[in-house]
PDB file of N, CA and C in Angstrom:
ATOM      1  N   MET A   1       3.802  24.100   0.086  1.00  0.00           N
ATOM      2  CA  MET A   1       3.934  24.901  -0.416  1.00  0.00           C
ATOM      3  C   MET A   1       3.711  24.909  -1.991  1.00  0.00           C
ATOM      4  N   PRO A   2       2.044  24.928  -2.360  1.00  0.00           N
ATOM      5  CA  PRO A   2       1.528  24.521  -3.991  1.00  0.00           C
ATOM      6  C   PRO A   2       2.404  25.228  -5.039  1.00  0.00           C
ATOM      7  N   ASP A   3       2.336  24.130  -6.017  1.00  0.00           N
ATOM      8  CA  ASP A   3       2.735  24.898  -6.785  1.00  0.00           C
ATOM      9  C   ASP A   3       2.127  25.159  -7.735  1.00  0.00           C
ATOM     10  N   THR A   4       2.743  26.708  -8.207  1.00  0.00           N
ATOM     11  CA  THR A   4       1.194  27.845  -9.165  1.00  0.00           C
ATOM     12  C   THR A   4       2.275  27.735 -10.329  1.00  0.00           C
ATOM     13  N   HIS A   5       3.101  26.884 -10.512  1.00  0.00           N
ATOM     14  CA  HIS A   5       3.837  27.596 -11.701  1.00  0.00           C
ATOM     15  C   HIS A   5       2.887  27.073 -13.567  1.00  0.00           C
ATOM     16  N   ILE A   6       2.803  27.649 -14.005  1.00  0.00           N
ATOM     17  CA  ILE A   6       1.706  27.633 -15.248  1.00  0.00           C
ATOM     18  C   ILE A   6       2.454  27.639 -16.472  1.00  0.00           C
ATOM     19  N   HIS A   7       2.180  26.221 -17.096  1.00  0.00           N
ATOM     20  CA  HIS A   7       3.168  26.011 -18.189  1.00  0.00           C
ATOM     21  C   HIS A   7       2.173  26.778 -19.872  1.00  0.00           C
ATOM     22  N   ILE A   8       2.184  27.422 -20.764  1.00  0.00           N
ATOM     23  CA  ILE A   8       1.638  27.593 -21.859  1.00  0.00           C
ATOM     24  C   ILE A   8       1.351  27.292 -22.722  1.00  0.00           C
ATOM     25  N   HIS A   9       1.348  26.256 -23.791  1.00  0.00           N
ATOM     26  CA  HIS A   9       1.178  26.052 -25.036  1.00  0.00           C
ATOM     27  C   HIS A   9       1.063  26.500 -26.206  1.00  0.00           C
ATOM     28  N   LEU A  10       1.433  26.149 -27.184  1.00  0.00           N
ATOM     29  CA  LEU A  10       0.266  26.821 -28.445  1.00  0.00           C
ATOM     30  C   LEU A  10       0.153  25.858 -29.191  1.00  0.00           C
ATOM     31  N   GLY A  11      -0.879  25.415 -29.762  1.00  0.00           N
ATOM     32  CA  GLY A  11      -1.744  24.518 -30.494  1.00  0.00           C
ATOM     33  C   GLY A  11      -1.263  24.778 -31.698  1.00  0.00           C
ATOM     34  N   GLY A  12      -1.039  23.864 -32.589  1.00  0.00           N
ATOM     35  CA  GLY A  12      -1.472  23.650 -33.792  1.00  0.00           C
ATOM     36  C   GLY A  12      -1.413  24.960 -34.433  1.00  0.00           C
ATOM     37  N   GLU A  13      -3.130  25.580 -34.533  1.00  0.00           N
ATOM     38  CA  GLU A  13      -4.007  26.347 -35.315  1.00  0.00           C
ATOM     39  C   GLU A  13      -4.030  27.852 -34.011  1.00  0.00           C
ATOM     40  N   GLY A  14      -2.750  27.987 -32.993  1.00  0.00           N
ATOM     41  CA  GLY A  14      -3.032  29.428 -32.518  1.00  0.00           C
ATOM     42  C   GLY A  14      -3.657  29.326 -30.892  1.00  0.00           C
ATOM     43  N   GLU A  15      -4.353  28.193 -31.258  1.00  0.00           N
ATOM     44  CA  GLU A  15      -5.377  28.168 -29.863  1.00  0.00           C
ATOM     45  C   GLU A  15      -4.310  27.889 -28.090  1.00  0.00           C
ATOM     46  N   THR A  16      -4.557  28.562 -27.099  1.00  0.00           N
ATOM     47  CA  THR A  16      -3.505  28.316 -26.022  1.00  0.00           C
ATOM     48  C   THR A  16      -3.892  26.615 -25.000  1.00  0.00           C
ATOM     49  N   GLN A  17      -3.026  26.082 -25.112  1.00  0.00           N
ATOM     50  CA  GLN A  17      -3.410  25.090 -23.778  1.00  0.00           C
ATOM     51  C   GLN A  17      -2.666  25.312 -22.707  1.00  0.00           C
ATOM     52  N   VAL A  18      -3.533  25.702 -21.155  1.00  0.00           N
ATOM     53  CA  VAL A  18      -2.329  26.179 -20.556  1.00  0.00           C
ATOM     54  C   VAL A  18      -2.511  24.608 -19.386  1.00  0.00           C
ATOM     55  N   LYS A  19      -1.698  24.136 -18.995  1.00  0.00           N
ATOM     56  CA  LYS A  19      -0.876  22.663 -18.313  1.00  0.00           C
ATOM     57  C   LYS A  19      -0.487  23.641 -16.980  1.00  0.00           C
ATOM     58  N   ARG A  20      -0.554  22.344 -16.150  1.00  0.00           N
ATOM     59  CA  ARG A  20      -0.707  22.956 -14.264  1.00  0.00           C
ATOM     60  C   ARG A  20       0.423  21.705 -14.355  1.00  0.00           C
ATOM     61  N   ALA A  21       1.661  21.961 -13.670  1.00  0.00           N
ATOM     62  CA  ALA A  21       2.591  21.368 -13.243  1.00  0.00           C
ATOM     63  C   ALA A  21       2.369  20.541 -12.221  1.00  0.00           C
ATOM     64  N   LYS A  22       2.562  18.892 -12.424  1.00  0.00           N
ATOM     65  CA  LYS A  22       2.159  18.577 -11.143  1.00  0.00           C
ATOM     66  C   LYS A  22       2.442  18.255 -10.164  1.00  0.00           C
ATOM     67  N   LYS A  23       1.987  18.530  -8.648  1.00  0.00           N
ATOM     68  CA  LYS A  23       2.572  19.162  -7.556  1.00  0.00           C
ATOM     69  C   LYS A  23       2.918  17.063  -7.030  1.00  0.00           C
ATOM     70  N   ARG A  24       4.304  17.575  -6.295  1.00  0.00           N
ATOM     71  CA  ARG A  24       5.144  16.547  -5.952  1.00  0.00           C
ATOM     72  C   ARG A  24       4.783  16.457  -4.326  1.00  0.00           C
ATOM     73  N   SER A  25       4.484  14.874  -4.191  1.00  0.00           N
ATOM     74  CA  SER A  25       4.100  14.447  -2.707  1.00  0.00           C
ATOM     75  C   SER A  25       5.532  14.511  -2.180  1.00  0.00           C
ATOM     76  N   SER A  26       5.496  14.579  -1.097  1.00  0.00           N
ATOM     77  CA  SER A  26       6.757  14.360  -0.198  1.00  0.00           C
ATOM     78  C   SER A  26       7.067  12.721   0.141  1.00  0.00           C
ATOM     79  N   ARG A  27       5.612  12.089   0.483  1.00  0.00           N
ATOM     80  CA  ARG A  27       6.331  11.058   0.828  1.00  0.00           C
ATOM     81  C   ARG A  27       5.918  10.018   0.045  1.00  0.00           C
ATOM     82  N   ARG A  28       6.469   8.861   0.483  1.00  0.00           N
ATOM     83  CA  ARG A  28       6.472   7.662  -0.925  1.00  0.00           C
ATOM     84  C   ARG A  28       5.328   6.940  -0.855  1.00  0.00           C
ATOM     85  N   ALA A  29       4.953   6.113  -1.999  1.00  0.00           N
ATOM     86  CA  ALA A  29       3.931   6.055  -1.705  1.00  0.00           C
ATOM     87  C   ALA A  29       4.500   4.599  -1.191  1.00  0.00           C
ATOM     88  N   ALA A  30       3.086   3.194  -0.080  1.00  0.00           N
ATOM     89  CA  ALA A  30       3.349   1.875   0.152  1.00  0.00           C
ATOM     90  C   ALA A  30       3.986   1.388  -1.062  1.00  0.00           C
ATOM     91  N   THR A  31       4.852   0.497  -1.500  1.00  0.00           N
ATOM     92  CA  THR A  31       4.730  -0.156  -2.887  1.00  0.00           C
ATOM     93  C   THR A  31       3.699  -1.861  -2.392  1.00  0.00           C
ATOM     94  N   PRO A  32       2.713  -2.012  -3.324  1.00  0.00           N
ATOM     95  CA  PRO A  32       1.981  -2.823  -3.419  1.00  0.00           C
ATOM     96  C   PRO A  32       2.093  -4.411  -2.972  1.00  0.00           C
ATOM     97  N   SER A  33       3.151  -4.579  -3.428  1.00  0.00           N
ATOM     98  CA  SER A  33       3.968  -6.174  -3.210  1.00  0.00           C
ATOM     99  C   SER A  33       3.919  -6.329  -1.795  1.00  0.00           C
ATOM    100  N   SER A  34       4.493  -5.073  -1.002  1.00  0.00           N
ATOM    101  CA  SER A  34       5.269  -5.800   0.410  1.00  0.00           C
ATOM    102  C   SER A  34       3.946  -5.748   1.330  1.00  0.00           C
ATOM    103  N   PRO A  35       3.831  -6.803   2.174  1.00  0.00           N
ATOM    104  CA  PRO A  35       3.057  -7.219   2.908  1.00  0.00           C
ATOM    105  C   PRO A  35       3.238  -6.159   4.249  1.00  0.00           C
ATOM    106  N   PRO A  36       2.172  -5.902   5.014  1.00  0.00           N
ATOM    107  CA  PRO A  36       1.544  -5.245   5.636  1.00  0.00           C
ATOM    108  C   PRO A  36       2.693  -5.221   6.978  1.00  0.00           C
ATOM    109  N   LYS A  37       2.845  -4.454   7.546  1.00  0.00           N
ATOM    110  CA  LYS A  37       4.335  -5.033   9.101  1.00  0.00           C
ATOM    111  C   LYS A  37       3.492  -5.440   9.767  1.00  0.00           C
ATOM    112  N   ARG A  38       3.812  -5.808  10.566  1.00  0.00           N
ATOM    113  CA  ARG A  38       2.945  -6.799  12.205  1.00  0.00           C
ATOM    114  C   ARG A  38       4.281  -6.517  13.132  1.00  0.00           C
ATOM    115  N   ASN A  39       3.590  -6.907  14.473  1.00  0.00           N
ATOM    116  CA  ASN A  39       4.329  -6.502  15.430  1.00  0.00           C
ATOM    117  C   ASN A  39       4.731  -8.472  15.650  1.00  0.00           C
ATOM    118  N   LYS A  40       5.819  -8.453  15.981  1.00  0.00           N
ATOM    119  CA  LYS A  40       6.649 -10.069  15.651  1.00  0.00           C
ATOM    120  C   LYS A  40       6.902 -10.329  17.024  1.00  0.00           C
ATOM    121  N   GLY A  41       6.181 -11.238  18.000  1.00  0.00           N
ATOM    122  CA  GLY A  41       5.776 -11.576  18.978  1.00  0.00           C
ATOM    123  C   GLY A  41       4.977 -11.198  20.055  1.00  0.00           C
ATOM    124  N   ARG A  42       5.093 -12.116  20.863  1.00  0.00           N
ATOM    125  CA  ARG A  42       3.157 -11.690  22.139  1.00  0.00           C
ATOM    126  C   ARG A  42       3.204 -10.184  22.337  1.00  0.00           C
ATOM    127  N   LYS A  43       2.500  -9.989  22.831  1.00  0.00           N
ATOM    128  CA  LYS A  43       2.586  -8.743  23.979  1.00  0.00           C
ATOM    129  C   LYS A  43       2.615 -10.133  25.324  1.00  0.00           C
ATOM    130  N   ASP A  44       3.250  -8.899  26.203  1.00  0.00           N
ATOM    131  CA  ASP A  44       3.672  -8.834  27.694  1.00  0.00           C
ATOM    132  C   ASP A  44       3.075  -8.281  28.454  1.00  0.00           C
ATOM    133  N   PRO A  45       1.565  -8.907  29.242  1.00  0.00           N
ATOM    134  CA  PRO A  45       0.790  -8.681  30.145  1.00  0.00           C
ATOM    135  C   PRO A  45       1.584  -8.355  30.805  1.00  0.00           C
ATOM    136  N   LYS A  46       2.461  -8.710  31.720  1.00  0.00           N
ATOM    137  CA  LYS A  46       3.315  -8.052  32.679  1.00  0.00           C
ATOM    138  C   LYS A  46       3.857  -6.637  32.643  1.00  0.00           C
ATOM    139  N   MET A  47       4.329  -6.248  31.692  1.00  0.00           N
ATOM    140  CA  MET A  47       4.880  -5.081  30.804  1.00  0.00           C
ATOM    141  C   MET A  47       4.105  -4.257  31.338  1.00  0.00           C
ATOM    142  N   ALA A  48       2.798  -4.957  30.209  1.00  0.00           N
ATOM    143  CA  ALA A  48       1.873  -3.657  30.399  1.00  0.00           C
ATOM    144  C   ALA A  48       1.294  -2.836  31.534  1.00  0.00           C
ATOM    145  N   ARG A  49       0.967  -4.367  32.512  1.00  0.00           N
ATOM    146  CA  ARG A  49       0.460  -3.431  34.276  1.00  0.00           C
ATOM    147  C   ARG A  49       1.660  -2.738  34.866  1.00  0.00           C
ATOM    148  N   ALA A  50       2.916  -2.642  34.548  1.00  0.00           N
ATOM    149  CA  ALA A  50       3.780  -2.253  34.676  1.00  0.00           C
ATOM    150  C   ALA A  50       4.137  -0.967  33.696  1.00  0.00           C
ATOM    151  N   MET A  51       3.701  -0.912  32.219  1.00  0.00           N
ATOM    152  CA  MET A  51       3.511   0.428  32.051  1.00  0.00           C
ATOM    153  C   MET A  51       2.287   1.425  32.725  1.00  0.00           C
ATOM    154  N   LYS A  52       1.208   0.879  32.512  1.00  0.00           N
ATOM    155  CA  LYS A  52       0.462   1.340  33.439  1.00  0.00           C
ATOM    156  C   LYS A  52       0.532   2.317  34.799  1.00  0.00           C
ATOM    157  N   LYS A  53       1.306   1.128  35.200  1.00  0.00           N
ATOM    158  CA  LYS A  53       1.905   1.972  37.168  1.00  0.00           C
ATOM    159  C   LYS A  53       2.204   3.175  36.656  1.00  0.00           C
ATOM    160  N   ALA A  54       3.586   3.196  35.702  1.00  0.00           N
ATOM    161  CA  ALA A  54       4.647   3.920  35.604  1.00  0.00           C
ATOM    162  C   ALA A  54       3.936   5.069  35.172  1.00  0.00           C
ATOM    163  N   HIS A  55       2.774   4.854  34.080  1.00  0.00           N
ATOM    164  CA  HIS A  55       2.365   6.224  33.688  1.00  0.00           C
ATOM    165  C   HIS A  55       1.755   6.882  34.520  1.00  0.00           C
ATOM    166  N   GLN A  56       0.695   6.300  35.113  1.00  0.00           N
ATOM    167  CA  GLN A  56      -0.187   6.840  36.145  1.00  0.00           C
ATOM    168  C   GLN A  56       0.928   7.642  37.523  1.00  0.00           C
ATOM    169  N   LYS A  57       2.434   6.688  37.683  1.00  0.00           N
ATOM    170  CA  LYS A  57       3.327   7.753  38.575  1.00  0.00           C
ATOM    171  C   LYS A  57       3.743   9.097  37.895  1.00  0.00           C
ATOM    172  N   ALA A  58       4.123   9.264  36.442  1.00  0.00           N
ATOM    173  CA  ALA A  58       5.007  10.447  35.702  1.00  0.00           C
ATOM    174  C   ALA A  58       3.970  11.104  35.100  1.00  0.00           C
ATOM    175  N   LYS A  59       2.391  11.090  35.018  1.00  0.00           N
ATOM    176  CA  LYS A  59       1.694  11.704  34.264  1.00  0.00           C
ATOM    177  C   LYS A  59       0.624  13.104  35.520  1.00  0.00           C
ATOM    178  N   LYS A  60       0.841  13.389  35.029  1.00  0.00           N
ATOM    179  CA  LYS A  60      -0.479  14.178  36.149  1.00  0.00           C
ATOM    180  C   LYS A  60      -1.694  14.569  35.428  1.00  0.00           C
ATOM    181  N   LYS A  61      -2.596  14.749  36.348  1.00  0.00           N
ATOM    182  CA  LYS A  61      -4.287  14.199  35.764  1.00  0.00           C
ATOM    183  C   LYS A  61      -4.484  14.771  34.657  1.00  0.00           C
ATOM    184  N   ASP A  62      -3.885  16.349  34.375  1.00  0.00           N
ATOM    185  CA  ASP A  62      -4.170  16.883  32.485  1.00  0.00           C
ATOM    186  C   ASP A  62      -3.303  16.333  31.528  1.00  0.00           C
ATOM    187  N   GLY A  63      -2.379  14.929  32.031  1.00  0.00           N
ATOM    188  CA  GLY A  63      -1.878  14.306  30.769  1.00  0.00           C
ATOM    189  C   GLY A  63       0.056  14.814  30.502  1.00  0.00           C
ATOM    190  N   THR A  64      -0.291  15.525  30.970  1.00  0.00           N
ATOM    191  CA  THR A  64       1.307  16.445  30.701  1.00  0.00           C
ATOM    192  C   THR A  64       2.572  15.812  31.900  1.00  0.00           C
ATOM    193  N   PHE A  65       3.634  15.710  31.514  1.00  0.00           N
ATOM    194  CA  PHE A  65       4.468  15.047  32.948  1.00  0.00           C
ATOM    195  C   PHE A  65       4.864  15.589  34.194  1.00  0.00           C
ATOM    196  N   ARG A  66       4.729  15.054  35.140  1.00  0.00           N
ATOM    197  CA  ARG A  66       5.154  15.535  36.380  1.00  0.00           C
ATOM    198  C   ARG A  66       6.544  16.421  36.098  1.00  0.00           C
ATOM    199  N   LYS A  67       7.294  17.173  37.311  1.00  0.00           N
ATOM    200  CA  LYS A  67       8.819  18.104  37.188  1.00  0.00           C
ATOM    201  C   LYS A  67       9.322  16.809  37.019  1.00  0.00           C
ATOM    202  N   GLY A  68      10.128  16.606  36.463  1.00  0.00           N
ATOM    203  CA  GLY A  68      11.981  15.462  36.275  1.00  0.00           C
ATOM    204  C   GLY A  68      11.365  14.128  36.068  1.00  0.00           C
ATOM    205  N   TRP A  69      10.106  14.547  34.770  1.00  0.00           N
ATOM    206  CA  TRP A  69       9.596  12.746  34.681  1.00  0.00           C
ATOM    207  C   TRP A  69       9.609  13.452  32.832  1.00  0.00           C
ATOM    208  N   ASP A  70      10.265  12.645  31.518  1.00  0.00           N
ATOM    209  CA  ASP A  70       9.868  12.478  30.777  1.00  0.00           C
ATOM    210  C   ASP A  70       9.635  10.880  30.266  1.00  0.00           C
ATOM    211  N   ARG A  71       9.494  10.852  29.215  1.00  0.00           N
ATOM    212  CA  ARG A  71       9.428   9.135  28.650  1.00  0.00           C
ATOM    213  C   ARG A  71      10.411   7.913  28.522  1.00  0.00           C
ATOM    214  N   SER A  72      11.532   8.923  28.866  1.00  0.00           N
ATOM    215  CA  SER A  72      12.512   7.887  29.043  1.00  0.00           C
ATOM    216  C   SER A  72      12.503   7.563  29.954  1.00  0.00           C
ATOM    217  N   ARG A  73      12.233   8.574  31.536  1.00  0.00           N
ATOM    218  CA  ARG A  73      12.436   8.034  32.571  1.00  0.00           C
ATOM    219  C   ARG A  73      11.242   7.327  32.763  1.00  0.00           C
ATOM    220  N   MET A  74      10.226   7.528  32.586  1.00  0.00           N
ATOM    221  CA  MET A  74       9.108   6.591  32.595  1.00  0.00           C
ATOM    222  C   MET A  74       9.277   5.086  31.689  1.00  0.00           C
ATOM    223  N   MET A  75       9.862   4.369  30.828  1.00  0.00           N
ATOM    224  CA  MET A  75       9.846   4.064  30.511  1.00  0.00           C
ATOM    225  C   MET A  75      10.939   2.915  31.182  1.00  0.00           C
ATOM    226  N   SER A  76      11.735   3.564  31.886  1.00  0.00           N
ATOM    227  CA  SER A  76      13.055   3.101  32.846  1.00  0.00           C
ATOM    228  C   SER A  76      11.770   2.317  34.200  1.00  0.00           C
ATOM    229  N   HIS A  77      11.187   2.885  34.749  1.00  0.00           N
ATOM    230  CA  HIS A  77      10.057   3.000  35.798  1.00  0.00           C
ATOM    231  C   HIS A  77      10.260   1.644  35.293  1.00  0.00           C
ATOM    232  N   ALA A  78       9.168   1.659  34.447  1.00  0.00           N
ATOM    233  CA  ALA A  78       8.087   0.115  34.047  1.00  0.00           C
ATOM    234  C   ALA A  78       9.067  -0.766  33.236  1.00  0.00           C
ATOM    235  N   HIS A  79      10.009  -0.555  33.216  1.00  0.00           N
ATOM    236  CA  HIS A  79      10.782  -1.998  33.259  1.00  0.00           C
ATOM    237  C   HIS A  79      11.608  -2.466  34.568  1.00  0.00           C
ATOM    238  N   LYS A  80      11.812  -1.327  35.693  1.00  0.00           N
ATOM    239  CA  LYS A  80      11.746  -1.921  37.064  1.00  0.00           C
ATOM    240  C   LYS A  80      11.095  -2.223  38.005  1.00  0.00           C
ATOM    241  N   LEU A  81       9.543  -2.267  37.432  1.00  0.00           N
ATOM    242  CA  LEU A  81       8.323  -2.612  38.281  1.00  0.00           C
ATOM    243  C   LEU A  81       8.251  -3.818  37.397  1.00  0.00           C
ATOM    244  N   LYS A  82       8.401  -4.185  36.782  1.00  0.00           N
ATOM    245  CA  LYS A  82       8.803  -5.301  35.481  1.00  0.00           C
ATOM    246  C   LYS A  82       9.359  -6.531  35.675  1.00  0.00           C
ATOM    247  N   LYS A  83      10.334  -6.444  36.546  1.00  0.00           N
ATOM    248  CA  LYS A  83      11.479  -6.758  37.410  1.00  0.00           C
ATOM    249  C   LYS A  83      11.160  -7.384  38.655  1.00  0.00           C
ATOM    250  N   LYS A  84      10.366  -6.622  39.077  1.00  0.00           N
ATOM    251  CA  LYS A  84       9.822  -6.795  40.298  1.00  0.00           C
ATOM    252  C   LYS A  84       9.146  -7.830  40.603  1.00  0.00           C
TER     253      LYS A  84
END
């Protein structure tokens, strides 16, 4: 919801100056001094393959989850496949 609050101030000789209140952003600005975050560690190719298989089993053709499946179960299944 934008802030439409208007402040009217009179100048020295009777002219009006209209100032709008600044909009406050809800997100924090990233500090320029901090370096960008990155993944720590190497990618696991075994887990990548297991995730693909688990994804195929958990999702339907239209991209929705099958009955009884959710993200948690899909990840558990991927970890079990990786262990094999």
